């Protein structure tokens, strides 16, 4: 994730966190590339996809939990703040932490594309790069536009070294440290 066009953040991380804390619950703010952003509220299908994934993770790895809408400190120096659609961690990993948690220990970040003009920039590029820079081992992108699931892995120097895409209906093998397989046929019913 790169800085804002002027090369300087719009505000400090501390100012952003204060603003985000004061915002109504119906507004979901993020601080990406030094820029304040409003994350789209999930539609029903997007929420159903996250619940589908949560169930699959718990069935195959009962010691792990998928936290929806978890605030993460991202980018290389933890200067960004992103609300992942899902963050997979060991049970109780986030206990005692605040709204914006350090990504150490997060095994997988998950995003489900939204139907808006910013999804290409936000989900396919900025989030991918921010999660890689934070060292999150796996980034799972459920892409409703392309009807495919993309698994990114092996973060190194702010980029993921591996990328594997699978059409809906395929069995998706998510590598270690996650180590689960997803039968994605059900995702077909969540496409507009």
N, C-alpha and C. Protein backbone atom coordinates (compact mmCIF):
# COMPACT_ATOMS: atom_id res chain seq x y z
N UNK A 1 0.84 -1.16 0.00
CA UNK A 1 0.00 0.00 0.00
C UNK A 1 0.89 1.23 0.00
N UNK A 2 0.59 2.15 -0.84
CA UNK A 2 1.39 3.35 -0.96
C UNK A 2 0.70 4.51 -0.25
N UNK A 3 1.42 5.56 -0.05
CA UNK A 3 0.89 6.75 0.61
C UNK A 3 -0.07 7.49 -0.31
N UNK A 4 -0.77 8.47 0.25
CA UNK A 4 -1.69 9.28 -0.55
C UNK A 4 -0.93 10.00 -1.65
N UNK A 5 -1.67 10.55 -2.60
CA UNK A 5 -1.07 11.16 -3.79
C UNK A 5 -0.03 12.20 -3.44
N UNK A 6 -0.23 12.95 -2.40
CA UNK A 6 0.73 13.99 -2.02
C UNK A 6 1.94 13.41 -1.31
N UNK A 7 1.92 12.11 -1.02
CA UNK A 7 3.05 11.47 -0.35
C UNK A 7 2.99 11.58 1.16
N UNK A 8 2.03 12.30 1.68
CA UNK A 8 1.87 12.46 3.13
C UNK A 8 0.51 11.92 3.53
N UNK A 9 0.41 11.32 4.71
CA UNK A 9 -0.90 10.88 5.17
C UNK A 9 -1.82 12.07 5.43
N UNK A 10 -3.12 11.85 5.29
CA UNK A 10 -4.09 12.90 5.56
C UNK A 10 -4.13 13.29 7.02
N UNK A 11 -3.74 12.36 7.89
CA UNK A 11 -3.75 12.60 9.34
C UNK A 11 -2.86 11.55 9.99
N UNK A 12 -2.62 11.70 11.27
CA UNK A 12 -1.83 10.69 11.98
C UNK A 12 -2.70 9.47 12.27
N UNK A 13 -2.07 8.34 12.53
CA UNK A 13 -2.79 7.12 12.88
C UNK A 13 -3.60 7.35 14.15
N UNK A 14 -3.00 8.08 15.10
CA UNK A 14 -3.69 8.36 16.37
C UNK A 14 -4.97 9.18 16.13
N UNK A 15 -4.87 10.20 15.26
CA UNK A 15 -6.06 11.00 14.94
C UNK A 15 -7.12 10.14 14.26
N UNK A 16 -6.68 9.25 13.36
CA UNK A 16 -7.64 8.36 12.70
C UNK A 16 -8.35 7.48 13.72
N UNK A 17 -7.59 6.86 14.63
CA UNK A 17 -8.20 5.97 15.61
C UNK A 17 -9.21 6.70 16.48
N UNK A 18 -8.92 7.95 16.83
CA UNK A 18 -9.86 8.75 17.62
C UNK A 18 -11.13 9.02 16.81
N UNK A 19 -10.97 9.37 15.55
CA UNK A 19 -12.11 9.62 14.66
C UNK A 19 -12.94 8.35 14.48
N UNK A 20 -12.28 7.23 14.22
CA UNK A 20 -12.98 5.95 14.02
C UNK A 20 -13.74 5.53 15.27
N UNK A 21 -13.15 5.78 16.43
CA UNK A 21 -13.79 5.43 17.70
C UNK A 21 -15.07 6.24 17.92
N UNK A 22 -15.05 7.50 17.48
CA UNK A 22 -16.19 8.40 17.68
C UNK A 22 -17.28 8.22 16.62
N UNK A 23 -16.97 7.55 15.53
CA UNK A 23 -17.94 7.39 14.44
C UNK A 23 -19.10 6.50 14.87
N UNK A 24 -20.29 6.75 14.34
CA UNK A 24 -21.43 5.87 14.65
C UNK A 24 -21.14 4.44 14.19
N UNK A 25 -21.80 3.48 14.82
CA UNK A 25 -21.58 2.07 14.48
C UNK A 25 -21.94 1.75 13.03
N UNK A 26 -22.77 2.57 12.43
CA UNK A 26 -23.19 2.33 11.04
C UNK A 26 -22.16 2.79 10.03
N UNK A 27 -21.10 3.45 10.48
CA UNK A 27 -20.04 3.94 9.60
C UNK A 27 -18.77 3.16 9.91
N UNK A 28 -18.18 2.53 8.90
CA UNK A 28 -16.98 1.72 9.09
C UNK A 28 -15.81 2.42 8.39
N UNK A 29 -14.96 3.03 9.21
CA UNK A 29 -13.83 3.79 8.68
C UNK A 29 -12.56 2.95 8.65
N UNK A 30 -11.70 3.25 7.66
CA UNK A 30 -10.39 2.62 7.53
C UNK A 30 -9.38 3.71 7.18
N UNK A 31 -8.12 3.39 7.37
CA UNK A 31 -7.03 4.31 7.07
C UNK A 31 -6.02 3.52 6.24
N UNK A 32 -6.09 3.69 4.91
CA UNK A 32 -5.30 2.89 3.98
C UNK A 32 -4.47 3.82 3.11
N UNK A 33 -3.19 3.55 3.02
CA UNK A 33 -2.28 4.38 2.22
C UNK A 33 -2.28 5.83 2.68
N UNK A 34 -2.44 6.05 3.98
CA UNK A 34 -2.44 7.40 4.51
C UNK A 34 -3.70 8.17 4.21
N UNK A 35 -4.76 7.46 3.78
CA UNK A 35 -5.99 8.12 3.36
C UNK A 35 -7.19 7.53 4.10
N UNK A 36 -8.07 8.41 4.56
CA UNK A 36 -9.30 8.00 5.22
C UNK A 36 -10.25 7.41 4.18
N UNK A 37 -10.81 6.23 4.49
CA UNK A 37 -11.76 5.58 3.59
C UNK A 37 -12.95 5.07 4.38
N UNK A 38 -14.08 4.99 3.71
CA UNK A 38 -15.28 4.40 4.29
C UNK A 38 -15.47 3.06 3.61
N UNK A 39 -15.50 1.99 4.41
CA UNK A 39 -15.68 0.65 3.85
C UNK A 39 -17.17 0.39 3.65
N UNK A 40 -17.53 -0.14 2.48
CA UNK A 40 -18.95 -0.42 2.24
C UNK A 40 -19.52 -1.41 3.26
N UNK A 41 -20.74 -1.17 3.66
CA UNK A 41 -21.43 -2.08 4.56
C UNK A 41 -21.75 -3.34 3.78
N UNK A 42 -21.52 -4.53 4.36
CA UNK A 42 -21.75 -5.76 3.61
C UNK A 42 -23.22 -5.97 3.27
N UNK A 43 -23.45 -6.49 2.05
CA UNK A 43 -24.81 -6.87 1.68
C UNK A 43 -25.07 -8.28 2.22
N UNK A 44 -26.30 -8.75 2.08
CA UNK A 44 -26.68 -10.05 2.64
C UNK A 44 -25.88 -11.21 2.08
N UNK A 45 -25.60 -11.19 0.77
CA UNK A 45 -24.82 -12.28 0.17
C UNK A 45 -23.40 -12.30 0.71
N UNK A 46 -22.82 -11.12 0.87
CA UNK A 46 -21.45 -11.04 1.39
C UNK A 46 -21.40 -11.59 2.82
N UNK A 47 -22.38 -11.23 3.62
CA UNK A 47 -22.45 -11.76 4.98
C UNK A 47 -22.63 -13.27 4.98
N UNK A 48 -23.45 -13.78 4.05
CA UNK A 48 -23.66 -15.23 3.95
C UNK A 48 -22.38 -15.95 3.56
N UNK A 49 -21.58 -15.34 2.70
CA UNK A 49 -20.30 -15.94 2.31
C UNK A 49 -19.37 -16.04 3.51
N UNK A 50 -19.30 -14.98 4.31
CA UNK A 50 -18.44 -15.01 5.50
C UNK A 50 -18.91 -16.09 6.47
N UNK A 51 -20.22 -16.23 6.66
CA UNK A 51 -20.73 -17.27 7.55
C UNK A 51 -20.44 -18.66 6.99
N UNK A 52 -20.55 -18.83 5.67
CA UNK A 52 -20.21 -20.10 5.02
C UNK A 52 -18.74 -20.44 5.32
N UNK A 53 -17.85 -19.46 5.15
CA UNK A 53 -16.43 -19.69 5.40
C UNK A 53 -16.16 -19.96 6.88
N UNK A 54 -16.81 -19.23 7.75
CA UNK A 54 -16.65 -19.44 9.19
C UNK A 54 -16.99 -20.88 9.56
N UNK A 55 -18.10 -21.38 9.04
CA UNK A 55 -18.50 -22.77 9.31
C UNK A 55 -17.46 -23.76 8.80
N UNK A 56 -16.94 -23.55 7.59
CA UNK A 56 -15.94 -24.47 7.02
C UNK A 56 -14.66 -24.47 7.86
N UNK A 57 -14.25 -23.31 8.28
CA UNK A 57 -13.02 -23.22 9.09
C UNK A 57 -13.20 -23.96 10.42
N UNK A 58 -14.34 -23.76 11.07
CA UNK A 58 -14.56 -24.41 12.37
C UNK A 58 -14.73 -25.91 12.23
N UNK A 59 -15.32 -26.37 11.11
CA UNK A 59 -15.48 -27.81 10.91
C UNK A 59 -14.13 -28.50 10.73
N UNK A 60 -13.22 -27.84 10.04
CA UNK A 60 -11.94 -28.48 9.72
C UNK A 60 -10.82 -28.15 10.71
N UNK A 61 -10.92 -27.01 11.35
CA UNK A 61 -9.88 -26.58 12.31
C UNK A 61 -10.58 -25.97 13.53
N UNK A 62 -11.11 -26.82 14.39
CA UNK A 62 -11.93 -26.35 15.51
C UNK A 62 -11.16 -25.48 16.50
N UNK A 63 -9.85 -25.50 16.44
CA UNK A 63 -9.04 -24.67 17.35
C UNK A 63 -8.87 -23.24 16.83
N UNK A 64 -9.39 -22.97 15.63
CA UNK A 64 -9.26 -21.64 15.02
C UNK A 64 -10.61 -20.93 15.02
N UNK A 65 -10.55 -19.60 14.92
CA UNK A 65 -11.76 -18.78 14.83
C UNK A 65 -11.60 -17.76 13.70
N UNK A 66 -12.67 -17.56 12.95
CA UNK A 66 -12.71 -16.54 11.91
C UNK A 66 -13.50 -15.36 12.47
N UNK A 67 -12.81 -14.26 12.70
CA UNK A 67 -13.44 -13.06 13.25
C UNK A 67 -13.87 -12.14 12.12
N UNK A 68 -15.19 -11.92 11.95
CA UNK A 68 -15.65 -10.99 10.92
C UNK A 68 -15.37 -9.54 11.33
N UNK A 69 -15.03 -8.71 10.33
CA UNK A 69 -14.87 -7.27 10.52
C UNK A 69 -13.81 -6.89 11.54
N UNK A 70 -12.76 -7.68 11.65
CA UNK A 70 -11.70 -7.40 12.62
C UNK A 70 -10.82 -6.25 12.13
N UNK A 71 -10.59 -5.27 12.99
CA UNK A 71 -9.68 -4.17 12.67
C UNK A 71 -8.24 -4.62 12.81
N UNK A 72 -7.45 -4.45 11.75
CA UNK A 72 -6.05 -4.89 11.74
C UNK A 72 -5.12 -3.72 11.46
N UNK A 73 -3.96 -3.75 12.10
CA UNK A 73 -2.89 -2.81 11.78
C UNK A 73 -2.13 -3.41 10.61
N UNK A 74 -2.14 -2.72 9.47
CA UNK A 74 -1.54 -3.28 8.26
C UNK A 74 -0.46 -2.36 7.71
N UNK A 75 0.08 -2.75 6.60
CA UNK A 75 1.19 -2.09 5.91
C UNK A 75 2.49 -2.41 6.64
N UNK A 76 3.60 -2.05 6.04
CA UNK A 76 4.90 -2.50 6.54
C UNK A 76 5.24 -1.99 7.93
N UNK A 77 4.89 -0.78 8.26
CA UNK A 77 5.20 -0.23 9.59
C UNK A 77 3.95 -0.16 10.47
N UNK A 78 2.92 -0.92 10.11
CA UNK A 78 1.65 -0.95 10.83
C UNK A 78 1.00 0.43 10.88
N UNK A 79 1.19 1.21 9.81
CA UNK A 79 0.64 2.57 9.76
C UNK A 79 -0.75 2.62 9.15
N UNK A 80 -1.24 1.50 8.62
CA UNK A 80 -2.59 1.46 8.06
C UNK A 80 -3.55 0.77 9.01
N UNK A 81 -4.82 1.00 8.80
CA UNK A 81 -5.87 0.36 9.59
C UNK A 81 -6.93 -0.14 8.62
N UNK A 82 -7.13 -1.46 8.58
CA UNK A 82 -8.10 -2.07 7.68
C UNK A 82 -9.02 -3.00 8.46
N UNK A 83 -10.28 -3.02 8.07
CA UNK A 83 -11.23 -3.95 8.67
C UNK A 83 -11.39 -5.12 7.71
N UNK A 84 -10.73 -6.21 8.02
CA UNK A 84 -10.82 -7.41 7.18
C UNK A 84 -12.23 -7.98 7.27
N UNK A 85 -12.75 -8.47 6.14
CA UNK A 85 -14.03 -9.17 6.20
C UNK A 85 -13.92 -10.36 7.13
N UNK A 86 -12.73 -10.96 7.20
CA UNK A 86 -12.49 -12.05 8.13
C UNK A 86 -11.01 -12.14 8.47
N UNK A 87 -10.71 -12.49 9.72
CA UNK A 87 -9.33 -12.72 10.16
C UNK A 87 -9.32 -14.05 10.91
N UNK A 88 -8.55 -15.02 10.41
CA UNK A 88 -8.49 -16.35 11.00
C UNK A 88 -7.32 -16.43 11.96
N UNK A 89 -7.62 -16.79 13.21
CA UNK A 89 -6.60 -16.85 14.27
C UNK A 89 -6.90 -18.01 15.21
N UNK A 90 -5.91 -18.40 16.04
CA UNK A 90 -6.20 -19.38 17.08
C UNK A 90 -7.25 -18.83 18.06
N UNK A 91 -8.03 -19.73 18.64
CA UNK A 91 -9.07 -19.36 19.60
C UNK A 91 -8.48 -18.43 20.67
N UNK A 92 -9.21 -17.39 21.03
CA UNK A 92 -8.86 -16.41 22.06
C UNK A 92 -7.66 -15.54 21.73
N UNK A 93 -7.19 -15.58 20.49
CA UNK A 93 -6.01 -14.80 20.12
C UNK A 93 -6.19 -13.30 20.34
N UNK A 94 -7.38 -12.78 20.10
CA UNK A 94 -7.61 -11.34 20.21
C UNK A 94 -8.06 -10.89 21.60
N UNK A 95 -8.17 -11.81 22.54
CA UNK A 95 -8.63 -11.46 23.88
C UNK A 95 -7.67 -10.43 24.49
N UNK A 96 -8.25 -9.36 25.02
CA UNK A 96 -7.46 -8.32 25.68
C UNK A 96 -6.88 -7.28 24.74
N UNK A 97 -7.08 -7.45 23.44
CA UNK A 97 -6.58 -6.46 22.49
C UNK A 97 -7.68 -5.45 22.19
N UNK A 98 -7.31 -4.31 21.67
CA UNK A 98 -8.26 -3.25 21.37
C UNK A 98 -8.94 -3.43 20.03
N UNK A 99 -9.48 -2.32 19.52
CA UNK A 99 -10.21 -2.34 18.26
C UNK A 99 -9.30 -2.64 17.07
N UNK A 100 -8.07 -2.13 17.10
CA UNK A 100 -7.10 -2.31 16.00
C UNK A 100 -5.98 -3.19 16.53
N UNK A 101 -5.91 -4.42 16.04
CA UNK A 101 -4.97 -5.39 16.59
C UNK A 101 -3.75 -5.57 15.69
N UNK A 102 -2.66 -5.97 16.31
CA UNK A 102 -1.45 -6.28 15.57
C UNK A 102 -1.70 -7.56 14.78
N UNK A 103 -1.20 -7.64 13.55
CA UNK A 103 -1.48 -8.82 12.72
C UNK A 103 -0.65 -10.05 13.07
N UNK A 104 0.30 -9.94 13.98
CA UNK A 104 1.08 -11.11 14.37
C UNK A 104 0.13 -12.18 14.89
N UNK A 105 0.23 -13.37 14.37
CA UNK A 105 -0.64 -14.46 14.77
C UNK A 105 -1.86 -14.65 13.88
N UNK A 106 -2.15 -13.67 13.01
CA UNK A 106 -3.25 -13.84 12.05
C UNK A 106 -2.77 -14.80 10.97
N UNK A 107 -3.48 -15.89 10.79
CA UNK A 107 -3.09 -16.92 9.82
C UNK A 107 -3.60 -16.60 8.41
N UNK A 108 -4.77 -15.94 8.35
CA UNK A 108 -5.36 -15.65 7.05
C UNK A 108 -6.26 -14.42 7.17
N UNK A 109 -6.13 -13.53 6.19
CA UNK A 109 -7.07 -12.41 6.05
C UNK A 109 -7.99 -12.74 4.89
N UNK A 110 -9.26 -12.37 5.02
CA UNK A 110 -10.26 -12.69 4.01
C UNK A 110 -10.97 -11.41 3.57
N UNK A 111 -11.16 -11.28 2.27
CA UNK A 111 -11.99 -10.21 1.72
C UNK A 111 -12.95 -10.82 0.70
N UNK A 112 -14.17 -10.31 0.70
CA UNK A 112 -15.18 -10.65 -0.29
C UNK A 112 -15.44 -9.38 -1.08
N UNK A 113 -15.30 -9.44 -2.39
CA UNK A 113 -15.47 -8.22 -3.19
C UNK A 113 -16.88 -7.67 -3.04
N UNK A 114 -16.96 -6.34 -3.09
CA UNK A 114 -18.25 -5.67 -3.07
C UNK A 114 -18.57 -5.22 -4.49
N UNK A 115 -19.80 -4.85 -4.70
CA UNK A 115 -20.22 -4.42 -6.03
C UNK A 115 -20.13 -2.90 -6.12
N UNK A 116 -18.92 -2.37 -6.13
CA UNK A 116 -18.74 -0.93 -6.30
C UNK A 116 -17.49 -0.68 -7.14
N UNK A 117 -17.31 0.55 -7.54
CA UNK A 117 -16.22 0.89 -8.45
C UNK A 117 -14.83 0.80 -7.84
N UNK A 118 -14.74 0.78 -6.51
CA UNK A 118 -13.42 0.76 -5.86
C UNK A 118 -12.91 -0.64 -5.55
N UNK A 119 -13.69 -1.68 -5.83
CA UNK A 119 -13.30 -3.02 -5.40
C UNK A 119 -12.00 -3.49 -6.03
N UNK A 120 -11.74 -3.10 -7.28
CA UNK A 120 -10.49 -3.53 -7.92
C UNK A 120 -9.29 -2.97 -7.17
N UNK A 121 -9.29 -1.68 -6.94
CA UNK A 121 -8.19 -1.03 -6.23
C UNK A 121 -8.10 -1.54 -4.79
N UNK A 122 -9.23 -1.55 -4.11
CA UNK A 122 -9.23 -1.85 -2.68
C UNK A 122 -8.95 -3.33 -2.39
N UNK A 123 -9.77 -4.23 -2.92
CA UNK A 123 -9.66 -5.65 -2.55
C UNK A 123 -8.58 -6.39 -3.33
N UNK A 124 -8.43 -6.09 -4.60
CA UNK A 124 -7.49 -6.86 -5.43
C UNK A 124 -6.06 -6.34 -5.36
N UNK A 125 -5.87 -5.10 -4.92
CA UNK A 125 -4.50 -4.56 -4.88
C UNK A 125 -4.11 -4.05 -3.49
N UNK A 126 -4.78 -3.01 -2.99
CA UNK A 126 -4.34 -2.39 -1.74
C UNK A 126 -4.39 -3.33 -0.55
N UNK A 127 -5.47 -4.03 -0.38
CA UNK A 127 -5.57 -4.96 0.76
C UNK A 127 -4.56 -6.09 0.61
N UNK A 128 -4.47 -6.64 -0.58
CA UNK A 128 -3.49 -7.71 -0.83
C UNK A 128 -2.10 -7.25 -0.41
N UNK A 129 -1.70 -6.08 -0.88
CA UNK A 129 -0.35 -5.59 -0.57
C UNK A 129 -0.20 -5.23 0.90
N UNK A 130 -1.23 -4.68 1.51
CA UNK A 130 -1.17 -4.34 2.93
C UNK A 130 -1.06 -5.56 3.81
N UNK A 131 -1.82 -6.61 3.49
CA UNK A 131 -1.74 -7.84 4.27
C UNK A 131 -0.39 -8.52 4.08
N UNK A 132 0.14 -8.48 2.86
CA UNK A 132 1.47 -9.06 2.61
C UNK A 132 2.53 -8.30 3.38
N UNK A 133 2.47 -6.96 3.35
CA UNK A 133 3.45 -6.14 4.07
C UNK A 133 3.39 -6.39 5.57
N UNK A 134 2.20 -6.72 6.08
CA UNK A 134 2.04 -7.01 7.51
C UNK A 134 2.47 -8.44 7.86
N UNK A 135 2.81 -9.24 6.84
CA UNK A 135 3.29 -10.60 7.08
C UNK A 135 2.20 -11.63 7.32
N UNK A 136 0.97 -11.35 6.94
CA UNK A 136 -0.11 -12.32 7.11
C UNK A 136 0.11 -13.43 6.08
N UNK A 137 0.25 -14.69 6.54
CA UNK A 137 0.67 -15.78 5.65
C UNK A 137 -0.23 -16.06 4.46
N UNK A 138 -1.56 -15.91 4.63
CA UNK A 138 -2.49 -16.23 3.54
C UNK A 138 -3.51 -15.10 3.41
N UNK A 139 -3.77 -14.71 2.17
CA UNK A 139 -4.86 -13.78 1.86
C UNK A 139 -5.83 -14.50 0.94
N UNK A 140 -7.07 -14.63 1.38
CA UNK A 140 -8.11 -15.30 0.61
C UNK A 140 -9.06 -14.24 0.06
N UNK A 141 -9.13 -14.15 -1.25
CA UNK A 141 -10.02 -13.20 -1.92
C UNK A 141 -11.15 -13.97 -2.58
N UNK A 142 -12.36 -13.74 -2.12
CA UNK A 142 -13.54 -14.34 -2.73
C UNK A 142 -14.12 -13.27 -3.65
N UNK A 143 -13.93 -13.49 -4.94
CA UNK A 143 -14.21 -12.47 -5.96
C UNK A 143 -15.56 -12.76 -6.62
N UNK A 144 -16.57 -11.99 -6.25
CA UNK A 144 -17.92 -12.22 -6.78
C UNK A 144 -18.06 -11.76 -8.22
N UNK A 145 -17.23 -10.83 -8.67
CA UNK A 145 -17.28 -10.38 -10.07
C UNK A 145 -16.73 -11.46 -11.00
N UNK A 146 -15.59 -12.02 -10.64
CA UNK A 146 -14.93 -13.03 -11.48
C UNK A 146 -15.44 -14.44 -11.20
N UNK A 147 -16.27 -14.61 -10.16
CA UNK A 147 -16.76 -15.93 -9.74
C UNK A 147 -15.60 -16.88 -9.50
N UNK A 148 -14.62 -16.39 -8.73
CA UNK A 148 -13.46 -17.22 -8.41
C UNK A 148 -12.94 -16.90 -7.02
N UNK A 149 -12.17 -17.85 -6.51
CA UNK A 149 -11.50 -17.71 -5.22
C UNK A 149 -10.01 -17.67 -5.51
N UNK A 150 -9.33 -16.65 -4.98
CA UNK A 150 -7.89 -16.54 -5.18
C UNK A 150 -7.20 -16.65 -3.83
N UNK A 151 -6.18 -17.51 -3.79
CA UNK A 151 -5.40 -17.72 -2.57
C UNK A 151 -4.00 -17.16 -2.81
N UNK A 152 -3.63 -16.18 -1.99
CA UNK A 152 -2.29 -15.60 -2.04
C UNK A 152 -1.51 -16.14 -0.85
N UNK A 153 -0.21 -16.41 -1.05
CA UNK A 153 0.59 -16.93 0.04
C UNK A 153 2.05 -16.53 -0.05
N UNK A 154 2.79 -16.91 0.96
CA UNK A 154 4.23 -16.66 1.05
C UNK A 154 4.59 -15.18 0.93
N UNK A 155 4.17 -14.36 1.92
CA UNK A 155 4.50 -12.94 1.87
C UNK A 155 6.01 -12.72 2.00
N UNK A 156 6.52 -11.83 1.16
CA UNK A 156 7.95 -11.50 1.20
C UNK A 156 8.14 -10.09 0.64
N UNK A 157 8.78 -9.24 1.41
CA UNK A 157 9.07 -7.86 0.99
C UNK A 157 7.81 -7.13 0.51
N UNK A 158 6.72 -7.29 1.24
CA UNK A 158 5.50 -6.56 0.94
C UNK A 158 4.66 -7.11 -0.20
N UNK A 159 5.00 -8.28 -0.70
CA UNK A 159 4.24 -8.89 -1.80
C UNK A 159 4.03 -10.37 -1.50
N UNK A 160 2.96 -10.93 -2.04
CA UNK A 160 2.76 -12.37 -1.95
C UNK A 160 3.47 -13.02 -3.13
N UNK A 161 4.22 -14.08 -2.84
CA UNK A 161 4.97 -14.78 -3.89
C UNK A 161 4.11 -15.75 -4.68
N UNK A 162 3.04 -16.27 -4.07
CA UNK A 162 2.20 -17.23 -4.77
C UNK A 162 0.78 -16.69 -4.92
N UNK A 163 0.16 -17.09 -6.03
CA UNK A 163 -1.22 -16.69 -6.32
C UNK A 163 -1.86 -17.83 -7.11
N UNK A 164 -2.93 -18.38 -6.57
CA UNK A 164 -3.66 -19.45 -7.26
C UNK A 164 -5.14 -19.10 -7.26
N UNK A 165 -5.75 -19.10 -8.45
CA UNK A 165 -7.17 -18.78 -8.58
C UNK A 165 -7.95 -20.01 -9.02
N UNK A 166 -9.16 -20.14 -8.48
CA UNK A 166 -10.01 -21.29 -8.75
C UNK A 166 -11.43 -20.80 -9.05
N UNK A 167 -12.07 -21.30 -10.11
CA UNK A 167 -13.46 -20.91 -10.37
C UNK A 167 -14.38 -21.49 -9.29
N UNK A 168 -15.49 -20.78 -9.04
CA UNK A 168 -16.49 -21.32 -8.12
C UNK A 168 -16.86 -22.73 -8.59
N UNK A 169 -16.99 -23.63 -7.63
CA UNK A 169 -17.29 -25.02 -7.93
C UNK A 169 -16.08 -25.92 -7.74
N UNK A 170 -14.90 -25.32 -7.68
CA UNK A 170 -13.65 -26.08 -7.48
C UNK A 170 -13.44 -26.37 -5.99
N UNK A 171 -12.56 -27.33 -5.74
CA UNK A 171 -12.07 -27.54 -4.38
C UNK A 171 -10.81 -26.69 -4.23
N UNK A 172 -10.83 -25.79 -3.26
CA UNK A 172 -9.72 -24.86 -3.04
C UNK A 172 -8.92 -25.33 -1.84
N UNK A 173 -7.66 -25.65 -2.08
CA UNK A 173 -6.75 -26.06 -1.01
C UNK A 173 -6.06 -24.81 -0.47
N UNK A 174 -6.29 -24.51 0.79
CA UNK A 174 -5.63 -23.36 1.41
C UNK A 174 -4.42 -23.90 2.16
N UNK A 175 -3.23 -23.40 1.82
CA UNK A 175 -1.99 -23.96 2.36
C UNK A 175 -1.80 -23.67 3.85
N UNK A 176 -0.81 -24.33 4.42
CA UNK A 176 -0.42 -24.06 5.79
C UNK A 176 0.03 -22.62 5.91
N UNK A 177 -0.19 -21.99 7.01
CA UNK A 177 -0.60 -22.54 8.30
C UNK A 177 -2.10 -22.76 8.47
N UNK A 178 -2.89 -22.50 7.42
CA UNK A 178 -4.34 -22.69 7.51
C UNK A 178 -4.68 -24.16 7.32
N UNK A 179 -4.28 -24.74 6.20
CA UNK A 179 -4.43 -26.17 5.98
C UNK A 179 -5.86 -26.69 5.94
N UNK A 180 -6.72 -26.03 5.15
CA UNK A 180 -8.08 -26.53 4.97
C UNK A 180 -8.40 -26.59 3.48
N UNK A 181 -9.47 -27.33 3.15
CA UNK A 181 -9.95 -27.41 1.77
C UNK A 181 -11.38 -26.89 1.74
N UNK A 182 -11.67 -26.07 0.73
CA UNK A 182 -13.01 -25.50 0.59
C UNK A 182 -13.67 -26.01 -0.67
N UNK A 183 -14.83 -26.64 -0.53
CA UNK A 183 -15.64 -27.00 -1.68
C UNK A 183 -16.52 -25.79 -1.97
N UNK A 184 -16.28 -25.13 -3.09
CA UNK A 184 -16.84 -23.80 -3.32
C UNK A 184 -18.11 -23.78 -4.17
N UNK A 185 -18.72 -24.91 -4.42
CA UNK A 185 -19.93 -24.95 -5.24
C UNK A 185 -21.03 -24.03 -4.71
N UNK A 186 -21.15 -23.96 -3.39
CA UNK A 186 -22.20 -23.15 -2.77
C UNK A 186 -22.04 -21.66 -3.08
N UNK A 187 -20.83 -21.20 -3.38
CA UNK A 187 -20.62 -19.79 -3.67
C UNK A 187 -21.37 -19.33 -4.92
N UNK A 188 -21.71 -20.25 -5.80
CA UNK A 188 -22.42 -19.90 -7.04
C UNK A 188 -23.76 -19.22 -6.76
N UNK A 189 -24.38 -19.55 -5.64
CA UNK A 189 -25.70 -18.97 -5.36
C UNK A 189 -25.61 -17.55 -4.79
N UNK A 190 -24.40 -17.07 -4.52
CA UNK A 190 -24.23 -15.72 -3.97
C UNK A 190 -23.77 -14.72 -5.02
N UNK A 191 -24.00 -15.01 -6.29
CA UNK A 191 -23.58 -14.13 -7.38
C UNK A 191 -24.81 -13.44 -7.95
N UNK A 192 -24.68 -12.17 -8.25
CA UNK A 192 -25.81 -11.42 -8.85
C UNK A 192 -25.91 -11.71 -10.32
